[in-house]
Amino acid sequence: MALNLLIYFVTKIVPRPLNAHAAEALTIGGGVVVPVILRSILLAYALSEMPWQRDNGEGVRV
């Protein structure tokens, strides 16, 4: 969501050309760094919830 707002701001509110360094930072930061961090946080949360979810089911067969 924040990345969408940033892209909207850069393209619609302040539509001036970006220099090469800013464009590269936006591309790498928004396309690589942010998704990796968010997915890592979500994975850590999901893995921390797994033991609690598995303990509640008695007689569960997969």
N, C-alpha and C. Protein backbone atom coordinates (compact mmCIF):
# COMPACT_ATOMS: atom_id res chain seq x y z
N MET A 1 0.83 -1.18 0.00
CA MET A 1 0.00 0.00 0.00
C MET A 1 0.87 1.25 0.00
N ALA A 2 1.90 1.24 0.83
CA ALA A 2 2.76 2.41 0.89
C ALA A 2 3.51 2.62 -0.42
N LEU A 3 3.88 1.52 -1.05
CA LEU A 3 4.58 1.63 -2.33
C LEU A 3 3.65 2.20 -3.40
N ASN A 4 2.39 1.80 -3.37
CA ASN A 4 1.42 2.36 -4.32
C ASN A 4 1.27 3.86 -4.12
N LEU A 5 1.21 4.29 -2.87
CA LEU A 5 1.12 5.72 -2.59
C LEU A 5 2.37 6.46 -3.05
N LEU A 6 3.52 5.84 -2.87
CA LEU A 6 4.76 6.45 -3.32
C LEU A 6 4.79 6.59 -4.84
N ILE A 7 4.37 5.55 -5.54
CA ILE A 7 4.32 5.62 -7.00
C ILE A 7 3.33 6.68 -7.45
N TYR A 8 2.18 6.75 -6.81
CA TYR A 8 1.18 7.77 -7.15
C TYR A 8 1.75 9.17 -6.91
N PHE A 9 2.44 9.35 -5.80
CA PHE A 9 3.04 10.64 -5.49
C PHE A 9 4.07 11.05 -6.53
N VAL A 10 4.91 10.09 -6.91
CA VAL A 10 5.99 10.39 -7.86
C VAL A 10 5.44 10.67 -9.25
N THR A 11 4.37 9.99 -9.64
CA THR A 11 3.88 10.14 -11.01
C THR A 11 2.79 11.19 -11.18
N LYS A 12 1.97 11.41 -10.18
CA LYS A 12 0.83 12.31 -10.34
C LYS A 12 0.98 13.64 -9.60
N ILE A 13 1.44 13.62 -8.38
CA ILE A 13 1.50 14.83 -7.57
C ILE A 13 2.74 15.65 -7.90
N VAL A 14 3.88 15.01 -8.00
CA VAL A 14 5.13 15.71 -8.34
C VAL A 14 5.71 15.07 -9.59
N PRO A 15 5.14 15.35 -10.76
CA PRO A 15 5.60 14.66 -11.98
C PRO A 15 6.84 15.30 -12.60
N ARG A 16 7.96 15.08 -11.99
CA ARG A 16 9.22 15.56 -12.58
C ARG A 16 10.12 14.36 -12.82
N PRO A 17 11.04 14.47 -13.72
CA PRO A 17 11.92 13.33 -14.01
C PRO A 17 12.80 12.97 -12.81
N LEU A 18 12.94 11.69 -12.59
CA LEU A 18 13.84 11.22 -11.53
C LEU A 18 15.24 11.06 -12.10
N ASN A 19 16.22 11.34 -11.26
CA ASN A 19 17.57 11.05 -11.72
C ASN A 19 17.80 9.54 -11.67
N ALA A 20 18.86 9.09 -12.25
CA ALA A 20 19.11 7.65 -12.37
C ALA A 20 19.23 6.98 -11.01
N HIS A 21 19.86 7.64 -10.07
CA HIS A 21 20.05 7.05 -8.74
C HIS A 21 18.71 6.88 -8.03
N ALA A 22 17.85 7.88 -8.09
CA ALA A 22 16.54 7.80 -7.43
C ALA A 22 15.66 6.74 -8.08
N ALA A 23 15.70 6.66 -9.40
CA ALA A 23 14.90 5.65 -10.10
C ALA A 23 15.39 4.25 -9.76
N GLU A 24 16.69 4.07 -9.68
CA GLU A 24 17.24 2.76 -9.34
C GLU A 24 16.90 2.38 -7.90
N ALA A 25 16.99 3.34 -6.99
CA ALA A 25 16.66 3.07 -5.59
C ALA A 25 15.18 2.72 -5.45
N LEU A 26 14.32 3.41 -6.18
CA LEU A 26 12.89 3.12 -6.13
C LEU A 26 12.59 1.73 -6.68
N THR A 27 13.24 1.37 -7.75
CA THR A 27 13.02 0.06 -8.37
C THR A 27 13.53 -1.07 -7.49
N ILE A 28 14.73 -0.94 -6.99
CA ILE A 28 15.31 -2.00 -6.17
C ILE A 28 14.62 -2.06 -4.81
N GLY A 29 14.37 -0.92 -4.21
CA GLY A 29 13.72 -0.89 -2.90
C GLY A 29 12.30 -1.41 -2.95
N GLY A 30 11.55 -0.97 -3.95
CA GLY A 30 10.15 -1.38 -4.04
C GLY A 30 9.95 -2.75 -4.63
N GLY A 31 10.88 -3.22 -5.44
CA GLY A 31 10.69 -4.49 -6.10
C GLY A 31 11.42 -5.65 -5.47
N VAL A 32 12.42 -5.36 -4.64
CA VAL A 32 13.21 -6.45 -4.05
C VAL A 32 13.20 -6.37 -2.53
N VAL A 33 13.62 -5.27 -1.98
CA VAL A 33 13.85 -5.17 -0.54
C VAL A 33 12.54 -5.24 0.25
N VAL A 34 11.59 -4.43 -0.12
CA VAL A 34 10.32 -4.39 0.63
C VAL A 34 9.58 -5.73 0.58
N PRO A 35 9.42 -6.36 -0.59
CA PRO A 35 8.74 -7.67 -0.59
C PRO A 35 9.47 -8.74 0.23
N VAL A 36 10.79 -8.75 0.18
CA VAL A 36 11.53 -9.74 0.96
C VAL A 36 11.32 -9.53 2.45
N ILE A 37 11.36 -8.29 2.89
CA ILE A 37 11.15 -8.00 4.31
C ILE A 37 9.74 -8.36 4.74
N LEU A 38 8.74 -7.96 3.95
CA LEU A 38 7.36 -8.26 4.32
C LEU A 38 7.08 -9.76 4.32
N ARG A 39 7.58 -10.48 3.34
CA ARG A 39 7.36 -11.92 3.31
C ARG A 39 8.07 -12.62 4.46
N SER A 40 9.24 -12.13 4.83
CA SER A 40 9.96 -12.72 5.96
C SER A 40 9.19 -12.52 7.26
N ILE A 41 8.61 -11.33 7.44
CA ILE A 41 7.82 -11.06 8.64
C ILE A 41 6.58 -11.96 8.66
N LEU A 42 5.90 -12.07 7.52
CA LEU A 42 4.71 -12.92 7.47
C LEU A 42 5.06 -14.40 7.69
N LEU A 43 6.17 -14.85 7.16
CA LEU A 43 6.59 -16.24 7.36
C LEU A 43 6.93 -16.50 8.83
N ALA A 44 7.64 -15.57 9.47
CA ALA A 44 7.97 -15.74 10.88
C ALA A 44 6.71 -15.78 11.74
N TYR A 45 5.74 -14.94 11.42
CA TYR A 45 4.48 -14.94 12.17
C TYR A 45 3.73 -16.26 11.97
N ALA A 46 3.65 -16.73 10.73
CA ALA A 46 2.93 -17.96 10.45
C ALA A 46 3.60 -19.16 11.13
N LEU A 47 4.92 -19.20 11.11
CA LEU A 47 5.62 -20.30 11.75
C LEU A 47 5.47 -20.26 13.27
N SER A 48 5.36 -19.07 13.85
CA SER A 48 5.16 -18.98 15.29
C SER A 48 3.76 -19.41 15.69
N GLU A 49 2.79 -19.33 14.79
CA GLU A 49 1.41 -19.72 15.07
C GLU A 49 1.17 -21.22 14.86
N MET A 50 2.02 -21.88 14.12
CA MET A 50 1.78 -23.30 13.79
C MET A 50 1.68 -24.22 15.00
N PRO A 51 2.57 -24.15 15.99
CA PRO A 51 2.43 -25.07 17.13
C PRO A 51 1.11 -24.90 17.88
N TRP A 52 0.66 -23.67 18.01
CA TRP A 52 -0.60 -23.42 18.71
C TRP A 52 -1.77 -24.03 17.95
N GLN A 53 -1.77 -23.94 16.65
CA GLN A 53 -2.86 -24.47 15.84
C GLN A 53 -2.86 -26.00 15.83
N ARG A 54 -1.71 -26.60 15.88
CA ARG A 54 -1.63 -28.06 15.83
C ARG A 54 -2.01 -28.69 17.16
N ASP A 55 -1.83 -28.00 18.29
CA ASP A 55 -2.14 -28.55 19.61
C ASP A 55 -3.64 -28.65 19.87
N ASN A 56 -4.44 -27.82 19.23
CA ASN A 56 -5.87 -27.76 19.53
C ASN A 56 -6.68 -28.89 18.91
N GLY A 57 -6.19 -29.57 17.92
CA GLY A 57 -6.98 -30.60 17.26
C GLY A 57 -6.66 -31.98 17.79
N GLU A 58 -7.65 -32.63 18.39
CA GLU A 58 -7.44 -33.99 18.86
C GLU A 58 -8.00 -34.95 17.82
N GLY A 59 -7.26 -35.94 17.48
CA GLY A 59 -7.71 -36.93 16.52
C GLY A 59 -7.69 -36.43 15.08
N VAL A 60 -6.94 -35.41 14.83
CA VAL A 60 -6.86 -34.87 13.48
C VAL A 60 -5.95 -35.77 12.65
N ARG A 61 -6.42 -36.18 11.49
CA ARG A 61 -5.62 -37.00 10.60
C ARG A 61 -5.48 -36.30 9.27
N VAL A 62 -4.30 -36.37 8.74
CA VAL A 62 -4.06 -35.74 7.44
C VAL A 62 -3.67 -36.84 6.46
